[in-house]
C-alpha atoms as a PDB file:
ATOM      1  CA  VAL A   1      37.793 -13.628 -16.485  1.00  0.00           C
ATOM      2  CA  PHE A   2      37.913 -17.451 -16.456  1.00  0.00           C
ATOM      3  CA  GLY A   3      42.098 -16.855 -16.225  1.00  0.00           C
ATOM      4  CA  GLY A   4      42.142 -14.794 -19.283  1.00  0.00           C
ATOM      5  CA  THR A   5      41.439 -11.246 -20.598  1.00  0.00           C
ATOM      6  CA  PRO A   6      37.692 -10.135 -21.029  1.00  0.00           C
ATOM      7  CA  ARG A   7      38.388  -9.898 -24.820  1.00  0.00           C
ATOM      8  CA  ALA A   8      39.552 -13.839 -24.968  1.00  0.00           C
ATOM      9  CA  ALA A   9      36.675 -14.667 -22.784  1.00  0.00           C
ATOM     10  CA  LEU A  10      34.185 -12.689 -25.281  1.00  0.00           C
ATOM     11  CA  ARG A  11      35.661 -14.273 -27.982  1.00  0.00           C
ATOM     12  CA  GLN A  12      35.469 -17.786 -26.830  1.00  0.00           C
ATOM     13  CA  GLY A  13      31.941 -17.372 -26.090  1.00  0.00           C
ATOM     14  CA  GLU A  14      32.371 -17.456 -22.218  1.00  0.00           C
ATOM     15  CA  VAL A  15      30.347 -14.545 -21.649  1.00  0.00           C
ATOM     16  CA  GLY A  16      26.875 -13.687 -22.673  1.00  0.00           C
ATOM     17  CA  THR A  17      25.195 -10.263 -22.123  1.00  0.00           C
ATOM     18  CA  MET A  18      21.784  -8.846 -21.920  1.00  0.00           C
ATOM     19  CA  LEU A  19      21.523  -4.997 -22.043  1.00  0.00           C
ATOM     20  CA  GLN A  20      18.772  -2.849 -20.648  1.00  0.00           C
ATOM     21  CA  SER A  21      17.825  -1.138 -23.966  1.00  0.00           C
ATOM     22  CA  SER A  22      20.002  -2.904 -26.724  1.00  0.00           C
ATOM     23  CA  GLY A  23      18.568  -2.516 -30.350  1.00  0.00           C
ATOM     24  CA  ILE A  24      16.885  -5.841 -31.259  1.00  0.00           C
ATOM     25  CA  ALA A  25      16.125  -6.857 -34.935  1.00  0.00           C
ATOM     26  CA  ASP A  26      12.606  -6.357 -36.426  1.00  0.00           C
ATOM     27  CA  PHE A  27      10.812  -7.858 -39.294  1.00  0.00           C
ATOM     28  CA  VAL A  28      12.210 -11.307 -38.326  1.00  0.00           C
ATOM     29  CA  THR A  29      10.438 -14.220 -36.096  1.00  0.00           C
ATOM     30  CA  VAL A  30      11.943 -14.798 -32.646  1.00  0.00           C
ATOM     31  CA  THR A  31      12.964 -18.344 -34.171  1.00  0.00           C
ATOM     32  CA  GLN A  32      14.685 -16.529 -36.935  1.00  0.00           C
ATOM     33  CA  LEU A  33      16.613 -14.259 -34.888  1.00  0.00           C
ATOM     34  CA  ILE A  34      17.641 -17.049 -32.233  1.00  0.00           C
ATOM     35  CA  ASP A  35      18.836 -19.105 -35.515  1.00  0.00           C
ATOM     36  CA  PHE A  36      20.830 -16.158 -36.966  1.00  0.00           C
ATOM     37  CA  VAL A  37      22.837 -15.156 -33.331  1.00  0.00           C
ATOM     38  CA  GLY A  38      23.264 -18.832 -32.531  1.00  0.00           C
ATOM     39  CA  GLY A  39      25.173 -19.436 -35.905  1.00  0.00           C
ATOM     40  CA  ARG A  40      27.794 -16.752 -34.554  1.00  0.00           C
ATOM     41  CA  TYR A  41      28.965 -19.084 -32.114  1.00  0.00           C
ATOM     42  CA  ARG A  42      31.059 -22.349 -32.367  1.00  0.00           C
ATOM     43  CA  ASN A  43      29.040 -24.588 -30.059  1.00  0.00           C
ATOM     44  CA  PRO A  44      25.283 -22.853 -29.988  1.00  0.00           C
ATOM     45  CA  LEU A  45      22.338 -24.395 -27.908  1.00  0.00           C
ATOM     46  CA  PRO A  46      19.735 -25.735 -30.255  1.00  0.00           C
ATOM     47  CA  THR A  47      17.177 -23.217 -30.931  1.00  0.00           C
ATOM     48  CA  SER A  48      14.160 -25.323 -29.815  1.00  0.00           C
ATOM     49  CA  GLU A  49      16.240 -25.874 -26.425  1.00  0.00           C
ATOM     50  CA  VAL A  50      16.837 -21.882 -26.160  1.00  0.00           C
ATOM     51  CA  LEU A  51      13.119 -21.320 -26.892  1.00  0.00           C
ATOM     52  CA  ALA A  52      11.840 -23.861 -24.145  1.00  0.00           C
ATOM     53  CA  THR A  53      14.355 -22.389 -21.445  1.00  0.00           C
ATOM     54  CA  ALA A  54      13.484 -18.886 -22.025  1.00  0.00           C
ATOM     55  CA  GLY A  55       9.620 -19.476 -21.982  1.00  0.00           C
ATOM     56  CA  LEU A  56       9.338 -18.587 -25.801  1.00  0.00           C
ATOM     57  CA  LYS A  57       8.179 -21.721 -27.358  1.00  0.00           C
ATOM     58  CA  ASP A  58       4.415 -19.869 -27.735  1.00  0.00           C
ATOM     59  CA  LEU A  59       6.049 -16.817 -29.173  1.00  0.00           C
ATOM     60  CA  ALA A  60       8.394 -18.725 -31.575  1.00  0.00           C
ATOM     61  CA  ARG A  61       6.586 -17.662 -34.912  1.00  0.00           C
ATOM     62  CA  ARG A  62       5.801 -14.095 -33.726  1.00  0.00           C
ATOM     63  CA  ARG A  63       7.744 -11.351 -35.216  1.00  0.00           C
ATOM     64  CA  VAL A  64       9.971  -9.492 -32.817  1.00  0.00           C
ATOM     65  CA  GLU A  65       8.247  -5.915 -33.413  1.00  0.00           C
ATOM     66  CA  LYS A  66       5.006  -7.393 -32.387  1.00  0.00           C
ATOM     67  CA  LEU A  67       6.533  -8.549 -28.852  1.00  0.00           C
ATOM     68  CA  SER A  68       5.634  -6.513 -25.726  1.00  0.00           C
ATOM     69  CA  GLY A  69       8.650  -4.897 -23.841  1.00  0.00           C
ATOM     70  CA  GLY A  70       8.467  -7.587 -21.406  1.00  0.00           C
ATOM     71  CA  GLU A  71       8.539 -10.376 -24.019  1.00  0.00           C
ATOM     72  CA  GLN A  72      11.330  -8.639 -25.914  1.00  0.00           C
ATOM     73  CA  GLN A  73      13.291  -8.681 -22.789  1.00  0.00           C
ATOM     74  CA  ARG A  74      12.971 -12.626 -22.782  1.00  0.00           C
ATOM     75  CA  VAL A  75      14.002 -12.757 -26.164  1.00  0.00           C
ATOM     76  CA  ARG A  76      17.334 -10.816 -25.292  1.00  0.00           C
ATOM     77  CA  PHE A  77      17.791 -13.293 -22.561  1.00  0.00           C
ATOM     78  CA  ALA A  78      17.657 -16.151 -24.699  1.00  0.00           C
ATOM     79  CA  LEU A  79      20.190 -14.386 -27.216  1.00  0.00           C
ATOM     80  CA  THR A  80      22.298 -14.219 -23.986  1.00  0.00           C
ATOM     81  CA  LEU A  81      21.852 -18.198 -23.531  1.00  0.00           C
ATOM     82  CA  VAL A  82      22.354 -19.470 -27.025  1.00  0.00           C
ATOM     83  CA  GLY A  83      26.130 -19.563 -27.004  1.00  0.00           C
ATOM     84  CA  GLN A  84      26.221 -21.435 -23.698  1.00  0.00           C
ATOM     85  CA  PRO A  85      28.366 -18.783 -21.717  1.00  0.00           C
ATOM     86  CA  ARG A  86      29.634 -19.540 -18.352  1.00  0.00           C
ATOM     87  CA  LEU A  87      28.973 -15.828 -17.108  1.00  0.00           C
ATOM     88  CA  LEU A  88      25.822 -14.158 -17.883  1.00  0.00           C
ATOM     89  CA  ILE A  89      25.879 -10.378 -17.363  1.00  0.00           C
ATOM     90  CA  LEU A  90      22.278  -8.834 -17.247  1.00  0.00           C
ATOM     91  CA  ASP A  91      21.579  -5.087 -17.100  1.00  0.00           C
ATOM     92  CA  GLU A  92      18.263  -4.542 -15.531  1.00  0.00           C
ATOM     93  CA  PRO A  93      16.836  -7.355 -17.022  1.00  0.00           C
ATOM     94  CA  THR A  94      13.266  -6.822 -15.884  1.00  0.00           C
ATOM     95  CA  ASN A  95      12.730  -3.710 -17.251  1.00  0.00           C
ATOM     96  CA  GLU A  96       9.194  -3.180 -18.728  1.00  0.00           C
ATOM     97  CA  MET A  97       8.077  -6.513 -17.012  1.00  0.00           C
ATOM     98  CA  ASP A  98       5.348  -6.539 -14.729  1.00  0.00           C
ATOM     99  CA  VAL A  99       5.215  -8.328 -11.080  1.00  0.00           C
ATOM    100  CA  ALA A 100       4.133 -11.545 -12.452  1.00  0.00           C
ATOM    101  CA  SER A 101       6.636 -11.463 -15.433  1.00  0.00           C
ATOM    102  CA  ARG A 102       9.212 -10.784 -12.960  1.00  0.00           C
ATOM    103  CA  GLN A 103       8.897 -13.625 -10.894  1.00  0.00           C
ATOM    104  CA  ASP A 104       8.792 -16.024 -14.089  1.00  0.00           C
ATOM    105  CA  PHE A 105      11.937 -14.433 -15.434  1.00  0.00           C
ATOM    106  CA  TRP A 106      13.831 -14.851 -12.303  1.00  0.00           C
ATOM    107  CA  ALA A 107      12.561 -18.655 -11.911  1.00  0.00           C
ATOM    108  CA  THR A 108      14.006 -19.033 -15.607  1.00  0.00           C
ATOM    109  CA  VAL A 109      17.133 -17.361 -14.615  1.00  0.00           C
ATOM    110  CA  ARG A 110      17.668 -20.007 -12.084  1.00  0.00           C
ATOM    111  CA  ALA A 111      16.886 -22.936 -13.851  1.00  0.00           C
ATOM    112  CA  ALA A 112      18.755 -22.001 -17.027  1.00  0.00           C
ATOM    113  CA  ALA A 113      21.711 -20.609 -15.455  1.00  0.00           C
ATOM    114  CA  VAL A 114      22.301 -21.096 -11.690  1.00  0.00           C
ATOM    115  CA  GLU A 115      21.126 -24.469 -11.525  1.00  0.00           C
ATOM    116  CA  ARG A 116      23.597 -25.454 -14.572  1.00  0.00           C
ATOM    117  CA  GLY A 117      26.669 -23.871 -12.692  1.00  0.00           C
ATOM    118  CA  ARG A 118      26.827 -20.562 -14.476  1.00  0.00           C
ATOM    119  CA  THR A 119      27.426 -17.293 -12.666  1.00  0.00           C
ATOM    120  CA  VAL A 120      25.021 -14.505 -13.007  1.00  0.00           C
ATOM    121  CA  LEU A 121      25.797 -10.875 -12.758  1.00  0.00           C
ATOM    122  CA  PHE A 122      23.042  -8.758 -12.821  1.00  0.00           C
ATOM    123  CA  THR A 123      22.312  -4.942 -12.002  1.00  0.00           C
ATOM    124  CA  THR A 124      19.025  -3.438 -10.701  1.00  0.00           C
ATOM    125  CA  HIS A 125      17.395  -0.668  -8.763  1.00  0.00           C
ATOM    126  CA  GLN A 126      14.805  -3.173  -7.623  1.00  0.00           C
ATOM    127  CA  MET A 127      15.828  -4.320  -4.203  1.00  0.00           C
ATOM    128  CA  ALA A 128      13.022  -6.896  -3.696  1.00  0.00           C
ATOM    129  CA  GLU A 129      14.850  -8.618  -6.763  1.00  0.00           C
ATOM    130  CA  VAL A 130      18.334  -8.467  -5.064  1.00  0.00           C
ATOM    131  CA  ASP A 131      16.541  -9.932  -1.946  1.00  0.00           C
ATOM    132  CA  THR A 132      15.250 -12.927  -3.472  1.00  0.00           C
ATOM    133  CA  ALA A 133      17.639 -13.638  -6.388  1.00  0.00           C
ATOM    134  CA  ALA A 134      21.221 -12.264  -5.106  1.00  0.00           C
ATOM    135  CA  ASP A 135      23.361 -14.634  -3.060  1.00  0.00           C
ATOM    136  CA  ARG A 136      26.009 -11.426  -3.015  1.00  0.00           C
ATOM    137  CA  VAL A 137      25.437  -7.829  -2.977  1.00  0.00           C
ATOM    138  CA  VAL A 138      27.820  -5.227  -4.498  1.00  0.00           C
ATOM    139  CA  VAL A 139      26.560  -1.613  -3.831  1.00  0.00           C
ATOM    140  CA  ILE A 140      28.054   1.084  -6.071  1.00  0.00           C
ATOM    141  CA  GLY A 141      27.823   4.795  -5.265  1.00  0.00           C
ATOM    142  CA  LYS A 142      29.798   7.650  -6.997  1.00  0.00           C
ATOM    143  CA  GLY A 143      32.164   5.329  -8.939  1.00  0.00           C
ATOM    144  CA  LYS A 144      33.202   3.648  -5.283  1.00  0.00           C
ATOM    145  CA  LYS A 145      32.447   0.047  -3.994  1.00  0.00           C
ATOM    146  CA  LEU A 146      30.518   0.999  -0.688  1.00  0.00           C
ATOM    147  CA  ALA A 147      29.435  -2.765   0.379  1.00  0.00           C
ATOM    148  CA  ASP A 148      30.015  -6.331  -0.847  1.00  0.00           C
ATOM    149  CA  GLU A 149      28.324  -8.827   1.234  1.00  0.00           C
ATOM    150  CA  THR A 150      25.155 -11.274   1.567  1.00  0.00           C
ATOM    151  CA  PRO A 151      21.561  -9.722   1.248  1.00  0.00           C
ATOM    152  CA  ASN A 152      21.245 -10.713   5.063  1.00  0.00           C
ATOM    153  CA  ALA A 153      24.597  -8.989   5.975  1.00  0.00           C
ATOM    154  CA  LEU A 154      23.568  -5.943   4.260  1.00  0.00           C
ATOM    155  CA  ARG A 155      20.183  -5.844   5.680  1.00  0.00           C
ATOM    156  CA  LEU A 156      21.656  -5.574   9.206  1.00  0.00           C
ATOM    157  CA  ARG A 157      23.186  -2.134   8.013  1.00  0.00           C
ATOM    158  CA  GLY A 158      19.486  -0.847   7.723  1.00  0.00           C
ATOM    159  CA  GLY A 159      18.967  -0.621  11.206  1.00  0.00           C
ATOM    160  CA  ALA A 160      17.515  -2.418  14.238  1.00  0.00           C
ATOM    161  CA  PRO A 161      14.411  -4.883  13.584  1.00  0.00           C
ATOM    162  CA  THR A 162      10.895  -3.457  14.622  1.00  0.00           C
ATOM    163  CA  VAL A 163       8.204  -4.885  16.277  1.00  0.00           C
ATOM    164  CA  GLN A 164       4.492  -3.636  14.967  1.00  0.00           C
ATOM    165  CA  PHE A 165       1.357  -3.780  16.504  1.00  0.00           C
ATOM    166  CA  ARG A 166      -1.958  -2.101  16.845  1.00  0.00           C
ATOM    167  CA  TRP A 167      -3.930  -0.849  19.694  1.00  0.00           C
ATOM    168  CA  LYS A 168      -6.976  -2.219  21.268  1.00  0.00           C
ATOM    169  CA  GLY A 169      -8.486  -0.366  24.048  1.00  0.00           C
ATOM    170  CA  THR A 170      -6.554   2.788  25.714  1.00  0.00           C
ATOM    171  CA  PRO A 171      -2.706   2.772  24.888  1.00  0.00           C
ATOM    172  CA  PRO A 172      -0.262   2.734  27.591  1.00  0.00           C
ATOM    173  CA  THR A 173       2.261   4.383  25.624  1.00  0.00           C
ATOM    174  CA  ASN A 174       4.416   5.827  28.391  1.00  0.00           C
ATOM    175  CA  PHE A 175       5.086   1.971  29.574  1.00  0.00           C
ATOM    176  CA  LEU A 176       6.544   1.160  26.166  1.00  0.00           C
ATOM    177  CA  ARG A 177       9.743   3.192  26.190  1.00  0.00           C
ATOM    178  CA  HIS A 178      10.605   1.009  29.312  1.00  0.00           C
ATOM    179  CA  LEU A 179      10.400  -2.314  27.744  1.00  0.00           C
ATOM    180  CA  THR A 180      13.687  -4.348  27.685  1.00  0.00           C
ATOM    181  CA  GLY A 181      15.498  -3.649  24.343  1.00  0.00           C
ATOM    182  CA  VAL A 182      13.487  -0.836  22.877  1.00  0.00           C
ATOM    183  CA  THR A 183      15.257   2.375  21.345  1.00  0.00           C
ATOM    184  CA  SER A 184      12.424   4.162  20.076  1.00  0.00           C
ATOM    185  CA  PHE A 185       8.664   4.593  19.697  1.00  0.00           C
ATOM    186  CA  GLN A 186       6.958   5.607  16.779  1.00  0.00           C
ATOM    187  CA  PRO A 187       3.430   5.970  17.171  1.00  0.00           C
ATOM    188  CA  GLY A 188       1.218   5.633  14.117  1.00  0.00           C
ATOM    189  CA  ARG A 189      -2.501   6.574  13.314  1.00  0.00           C
ATOM    190  CA  ASP A 190      -3.079   2.399  12.988  1.00  0.00           C
ATOM    191  CA  VAL A 191       0.261   0.481  13.101  1.00  0.00           C
ATOM    192  CA  GLN A 192       2.471   1.414  15.984  1.00  0.00           C
ATOM    193  CA  MET A 193       6.443   0.480  15.655  1.00  0.00           C
ATOM    194  CA  LEU A 194       8.980  -0.195  18.427  1.00  0.00           C
ATOM    195  CA  GLN A 195      12.440  -0.240  17.381  1.00  0.00           C
ATOM    196  CA  THR A 196      14.494  -2.836  19.642  1.00  0.00           C
ATOM    197  CA  THR A 197      17.778  -4.542  20.014  1.00  0.00           C
ATOM    198  CA  GLY A 198      15.998  -7.794  21.402  1.00  0.00           C
ATOM    199  CA  THR A 199      12.834  -8.568  19.701  1.00  0.00           C
ATOM    200  CA  ASP A 200      12.118 -11.805  21.779  1.00  0.00           C
ATOM    201  CA  LEU A 201      12.558  -9.866  24.983  1.00  0.00           C
ATOM    202  CA  THR A 202      10.369  -7.077  23.827  1.00  0.00           C
ATOM    203  CA  LEU A 203       7.531  -9.283  22.298  1.00  0.00           C
ATOM    204  CA  GLY A 204       7.661 -11.475  25.314  1.00  0.00           C
ATOM    205  CA  GLU A 205       7.019  -8.407  27.482  1.00  0.00           C
ATOM    206  CA  LEU A 206       4.318  -6.881  25.342  1.00  0.00           C
ATOM    207  CA  VAL A 207       2.669  -9.838  25.472  1.00  0.00           C
ATOM    208  CA  ARG A 208       2.691 -10.185  29.468  1.00  0.00           C
ATOM    209  CA  PHE A 209       2.310  -6.588  30.365  1.00  0.00           C
ATOM    210  CA  VAL A 210       0.553  -4.919  27.585  1.00  0.00           C
ATOM    211  CA  PRO A 211      -2.437  -6.784  26.531  1.00  0.00           C
ATOM    212  CA  GLU A 212      -3.958  -3.633  24.732  1.00  0.00           C
ATOM    213  CA  ALA A 213      -1.140  -4.347  21.826  1.00  0.00           C
ATOM    214  CA  ILE A 214      -2.511  -6.948  18.903  1.00  0.00           C
ATOM    215  CA  ASP A 215      -1.460  -8.087  15.829  1.00  0.00           C
ATOM    216  CA  LEU A 216       2.111  -8.242  16.981  1.00  0.00           C
ATOM    217  CA  LYS A 217       4.751  -9.066  14.383  1.00  0.00           C
ATOM    218  CA  VAL A 218       8.515  -8.569  13.706  1.00  0.00           C
ATOM    219  CA  VAL A 219       9.839  -6.711  10.655  1.00  0.00           C
ATOM    220  CA  ASP A 220      13.640  -6.869   9.634  1.00  0.00           C
ATOM    221  CA  ALA A 221      15.224  -3.819   8.094  1.00  0.00           C
ATOM    222  CA  THR A 222      14.674  -3.856   4.458  1.00  0.00           C
ATOM    223  CA  LEU A 223      17.329  -3.822   1.903  1.00  0.00           C
ATOM    224  CA  ASP A 224      16.134  -0.412   0.757  1.00  0.00           C
ATOM    225  CA  SER A 225      16.838   1.134   4.228  1.00  0.00           C
ATOM    226  CA  ALA A 226      20.145  -0.766   4.164  1.00  0.00           C
ATOM    227  CA  TYR A 227      20.820   0.977   0.895  1.00  0.00           C
ATOM    228  CA  LEU A 228      19.843   4.119   1.765  1.00  0.00           C
ATOM    229  CA  SER A 229      21.939   3.797   5.115  1.00  0.00           C
ATOM    230  CA  VAL A 230      25.164   2.951   2.861  1.00  0.00           C
ATOM    231  CA  ILE A 231      24.642   5.842   0.295  1.00  0.00           C
ATOM    232  CA  GLY A 232      24.265   8.091   3.571  1.00  0.00           C
ATOM    233  CA  GLU A 233      27.438   7.134   4.746  1.00  0.00           C
ATOM    234  CA  LEU A 234      29.174   7.934   1.454  1.00  0.00           C
ATOM    235  CA  ASP A 235      27.396  11.233   1.537  1.00  0.00           C
ATOM    236  CA  ALA A 236      28.343  12.043   5.402  1.00  0.00           C
ATOM    237  CA  ILE A 237      31.944  11.104   4.461  1.00  0.00           C
ATOM    238  CA  ALA A 238      31.929  13.629   1.437  1.00  0.00           C
ATOM    239  CA  SER A 239      30.211  16.372   3.415  1.00  0.00           C
END
């Protein structure tokens, strides 16, 4: 880590860690806790800066045990920042946060770490977070590294894009399988899906020859489907 052993990097304050469910002191205020932890480092950030960066200014005088689960996660993130590490390791960092809090948290991470040249390594089961926050994705299964690539590259492993639409009028379903690029047609009660190897050609022919198809859109494979595909490959090898 940074040219030395992990132990040396930790001792030098180069690594900050945020565990998913680590213990956190009660009966002290947020400010007191950050002051105390900062005092363990050689060159800590000022507590006022940590509070502002982590979005905790309004909670500075509140006792830790009075915070919600999501607010306590922000405090854990603040404690990760206070030593000015170059590498931040975050374990399921948005656990117990609602959707709005998650969005705010990742905006904070980008401003506090990524935009300042720090590296962030995080673990999560929330693939939407991976899609929006990660530059690089490593998939681990049964102790093995199954993928190591960008989110876009990983998404391609989830299958071909689909063209989705609704019907207006009597559907000419038999014609759909003969459209250019179509590999499968999945009829639904409301939304119809065509899996295709050439979305532009398929869309063009739908517009020209199938006026009954309306509300057309192209949907790429998701990271969820890509993850399942990667894990499925491992299961297939094992069997």
